Protein backbone atom coordinates (compact mmCIF):
# COMPACT_ATOMS: atom_id res chain seq x y z
CA MET A 1 0.01 0.00 0.02
CA ILE A 2 1.15 3.50 -0.86
CA ALA A 3 0.33 5.90 2.00
CA ILE A 4 -0.48 9.53 1.24
CA ILE A 5 -0.01 11.58 4.46
CA ASP A 6 -2.94 13.84 5.38
CA TYR A 7 -1.64 16.61 7.55
CA GLY A 8 -4.14 19.28 6.53
CA MET A 9 -2.02 20.89 3.79
CA GLY A 10 -2.45 18.77 0.65
CA ASN A 11 -4.27 18.24 -2.56
CA LEU A 12 -4.79 14.67 -1.35
CA ARG A 13 -7.59 13.42 -3.59
CA SER A 14 -6.00 14.55 -6.83
CA VAL A 15 -2.76 12.74 -5.86
CA GLN A 16 -4.73 9.59 -4.96
CA LYS A 17 -6.55 9.74 -8.29
CA GLY A 18 -3.26 10.23 -10.05
CA PHE A 19 -1.93 6.99 -8.62
CA ALA A 20 -5.18 5.25 -9.56
CA ARG A 21 -4.66 6.39 -13.14
CA ALA A 22 -1.11 5.01 -12.98
CA GLY A 23 -2.53 1.70 -11.81
CA TYR A 24 -1.63 1.84 -8.16
CA GLN A 25 -3.70 1.86 -5.01
CA ALA A 26 -2.87 4.70 -2.62
CA GLU A 27 -4.65 5.40 0.66
CA ILE A 28 -4.94 8.69 2.49
CA VAL A 29 -3.73 8.22 6.09
CA GLN A 30 -3.71 10.33 9.20
CA GLN A 31 -2.05 8.06 11.79
CA PRO A 32 1.74 7.45 12.21
CA GLU A 33 1.16 3.72 12.58
CA GLN A 34 -0.43 3.71 9.10
CA VAL A 35 2.70 5.31 7.73
CA ASP A 36 4.81 2.67 9.48
CA ASP A 37 2.76 -0.11 7.95
CA ALA A 38 2.93 1.25 4.36
CA ARG A 39 5.24 -0.05 1.66
CA ALA A 40 5.85 3.41 0.36
CA VAL A 41 4.89 6.96 1.43
CA VAL A 42 3.94 10.21 -0.32
CA LEU A 43 4.02 13.64 1.31
CA PRO A 44 2.06 16.08 -0.81
CA GLY A 45 1.30 19.65 0.25
CA VAL A 46 0.36 23.16 -0.65
CA GLY A 47 0.59 26.22 1.59
CA ALA A 48 2.97 27.58 4.23
CA PHE A 49 6.10 25.71 5.30
CA ALA A 50 5.79 26.66 9.01
CA ASP A 51 2.22 25.58 9.25
CA ALA A 52 3.04 22.27 7.53
CA MET A 53 5.85 21.51 9.98
CA GLU A 54 3.64 22.37 12.96
CA ASN A 55 0.89 20.04 11.71
CA LEU A 56 3.40 17.26 11.11
CA LYS A 57 4.82 17.64 14.62
CA LYS A 58 1.37 17.67 16.30
CA SER A 59 0.29 14.52 14.48
CA GLY A 60 3.46 12.56 15.28
CA MET A 61 4.24 12.25 11.55
CA VAL A 62 7.76 13.74 11.78
CA GLU A 63 9.07 10.62 13.59
CA ALA A 64 7.06 8.29 11.31
CA ILE A 65 8.52 9.87 8.23
CA LYS A 66 12.04 9.58 9.52
CA ARG A 67 11.45 5.91 10.33
CA VAL A 68 10.21 5.26 6.82
CA VAL A 69 13.33 6.90 5.32
CA GLN A 70 15.63 4.96 7.68
CA ARG A 71 13.94 1.67 6.66
CA GLU A 72 14.69 2.57 3.05
CA LYS A 73 11.06 2.47 1.85
CA PRO A 74 10.32 4.54 -1.23
CA PHE A 75 9.38 8.06 -0.20
CA LEU A 76 8.13 10.85 -2.45
CA GLY A 77 7.57 14.53 -1.53
CA ILE A 78 5.43 16.64 -3.90
CA CYS A 79 5.61 20.45 -4.11
CA LEU A 80 5.56 21.66 -0.45
CA GLY A 81 6.23 18.03 0.45
CA GLN A 82 9.53 18.24 -1.40
CA GLN A 83 10.52 21.47 0.38
CA LEU A 84 9.78 19.94 3.77
CA LEU A 85 12.49 17.30 3.20
CA PHE A 86 15.20 19.92 3.54
CA GLU A 87 16.78 21.48 6.59
CA SER A 88 15.08 24.86 6.67
CA SER A 89 12.98 27.39 4.82
CA GLU A 90 13.29 31.20 4.73
CA GLU A 91 9.50 31.57 4.36
CA PHE A 92 8.26 34.08 7.04
CA GLY A 93 11.68 34.00 8.78
CA LYS A 94 13.55 30.76 9.20
CA THR A 95 11.73 27.54 9.90
CA LYS A 96 13.34 24.19 10.60
CA GLY A 97 12.33 21.37 8.16
CA LEU A 98 12.62 17.64 8.38
CA GLY A 99 16.34 17.67 7.67
CA ILE A 100 16.31 14.50 5.59
CA LEU A 101 18.08 16.19 2.68
CA PRO A 102 20.82 18.88 3.08
CA GLY A 103 19.92 22.41 2.00
CA THR A 104 17.41 25.16 2.35
CA VAL A 105 14.25 26.52 0.77
CA LYS A 106 14.46 30.00 -0.82
CA ARG A 107 12.00 32.50 -2.34
CA PHE A 108 12.27 33.47 -5.95
CA PRO A 109 14.06 36.92 -6.31
CA ALA A 110 11.74 39.83 -5.65
CA GLY A 111 10.95 42.38 -8.37
CA THR A 112 12.15 40.47 -11.43
CA LEU A 113 9.72 37.53 -11.70
CA LYS A 114 6.03 36.98 -11.36
CA VAL A 115 5.53 35.04 -8.15
CA PRO A 116 4.14 32.42 -7.72
CA HIS A 117 5.73 30.54 -10.60
CA MET A 118 2.52 29.10 -12.06
CA GLY A 119 1.97 27.09 -15.17
CA TRP A 120 3.77 24.71 -17.48
CA ASN A 121 7.59 24.76 -17.69
CA GLN A 122 10.27 22.43 -19.01
CA ILE A 123 12.73 20.29 -17.16
CA GLU A 124 16.42 19.74 -17.86
CA ILE A 125 17.47 16.24 -16.86
CA LYS A 126 20.78 16.17 -15.08
CA GLN A 127 20.90 12.53 -13.88
CA ALA A 128 19.14 9.34 -14.96
CA SER A 129 16.81 7.92 -12.34
CA PRO A 130 14.15 5.22 -12.13
CA LEU A 131 11.68 7.96 -11.22
CA LEU A 132 12.29 9.56 -14.68
CA GLU A 133 12.05 6.45 -16.78
CA GLY A 134 10.32 7.34 -20.11
CA ILE A 135 10.66 11.09 -19.46
CA SER A 136 12.53 13.04 -22.12
CA ASN A 137 14.78 16.05 -21.63
CA GLY A 138 12.65 19.20 -22.23
CA SER A 139 9.38 17.63 -21.12
CA ALA A 140 6.94 20.10 -19.57
CA PHE A 141 5.19 19.82 -16.19
CA TYR A 142 2.77 21.98 -14.19
CA PHE A 143 4.22 24.19 -11.42
CA VAL A 144 2.62 26.30 -8.67
CA HIS A 145 5.05 27.61 -6.06
CA SER A 146 6.75 30.76 -4.68
CA TYR A 147 9.78 29.05 -3.10
CA HIS A 148 12.27 26.52 -4.42
CA VAL A 149 14.82 24.17 -2.83
CA ALA A 150 18.52 24.94 -2.79
CA PRO A 151 20.45 21.74 -1.95
CA THR A 152 23.98 22.00 -0.59
CA ASP A 153 24.84 18.75 -2.44
CA ASP A 154 24.50 19.10 -6.23
CA ASN A 155 24.45 15.28 -6.50
CA LEU A 156 20.84 15.41 -5.24
CA ILE A 157 19.62 17.29 -8.34
CA LEU A 158 17.97 15.04 -10.88
CA CYS A 159 16.28 17.82 -12.96
CA LEU A 160 16.48 21.61 -13.21
CA THR A 161 13.93 24.14 -14.37
CA ASP A 162 14.61 27.70 -15.42
CA TYR A 163 12.30 30.52 -14.11
CA GLY A 164 14.62 33.50 -14.03
CA VAL A 165 16.81 31.32 -11.86
CA ARG A 166 17.58 27.65 -12.38
CA PHE A 167 16.20 25.59 -9.56
CA PRO A 168 15.87 21.86 -8.82
CA ALA A 169 12.60 20.48 -10.13
CA VAL A 170 13.36 16.91 -9.04
CA VAL A 171 15.79 15.73 -6.37
CA GLY A 172 16.61 12.30 -5.17
CA LYS A 173 18.92 10.29 -2.88
CA ALA A 174 18.65 6.53 -2.40
CA ASN A 175 14.95 5.84 -1.63
CA VAL A 176 14.01 9.50 -1.15
CA PHE A 177 12.63 11.70 -3.95
CA GLY A 178 11.17 15.18 -4.18
CA ILE A 179 9.27 16.88 -6.99
CA GLN A 180 8.57 20.60 -7.14
CA PHE A 181 5.93 20.34 -9.89
CA HIS A 182 2.54 18.59 -9.52
CA PRO A 183 2.69 15.20 -11.39
CA GLU A 184 -1.00 14.68 -10.71
CA LYS A 185 -1.74 17.84 -12.71
CA SER A 186 0.83 17.23 -15.46
CA SER A 187 -1.10 15.03 -17.89
CA THR A 188 0.32 11.75 -19.16
CA LEU A 189 3.97 12.54 -18.32
CA GLY A 190 3.07 13.29 -14.67
CA ILE A 191 1.17 10.05 -14.40
CA ARG A 192 4.20 8.28 -15.86
CA ILE A 193 6.26 9.60 -12.96
CA LEU A 194 3.72 8.32 -10.42
CA GLU A 195 3.76 4.98 -12.27
CA ASN A 196 7.59 4.93 -12.03
CA PHE A 197 7.32 5.49 -8.27
CA GLY A 198 4.82 2.63 -8.05
CA LYS A 199 7.23 0.35 -9.79
CA MET A 200 9.78 1.02 -7.02
CA VAL A 201 7.20 -0.12 -4.52
CA ARG A 202 6.63 -3.40 -6.37
CA ALA A 203 10.35 -3.94 -6.68
């Protein structure tokens, strides 16, 4: 079972439907023990970083997420869920994140770009990954975000996207992956990415 964490910040149903279109059952869960029992875990999310971290702490999900990662189960963060994997965010001051991946979350530069970055944009693939199987360089996906991740380890970057600045669109390390765009809103290529994640679960 693929568990989609409900912590009050996500577009949960659309992610669940995306996995169904990809041929995989995913269940929305609210309890840490359900996360522990899952074969793979998805952390979606939209909204404020600080509120998200507070909700994860209150629900006991922070510890459950870290256990999943330590047990090397496939883990996927989507949009805000990707950002939460990092050490901190500068949104509304500095807020500590999950610290699973090294780096910070930064706002797009003020005054030069329309923020949020919203709409379709292309990816530049930097590293091959099972998550990107069947995805071509230059493929377009749907983004909605005002902040982006800035890893301190460039080896984490699987894809880049250019929006005035080049930022990581997809990151990955071992069993942990993060996607800044919304695969569930990105037509057939987005569903292919969810399918690729599902294949990792079956493996």
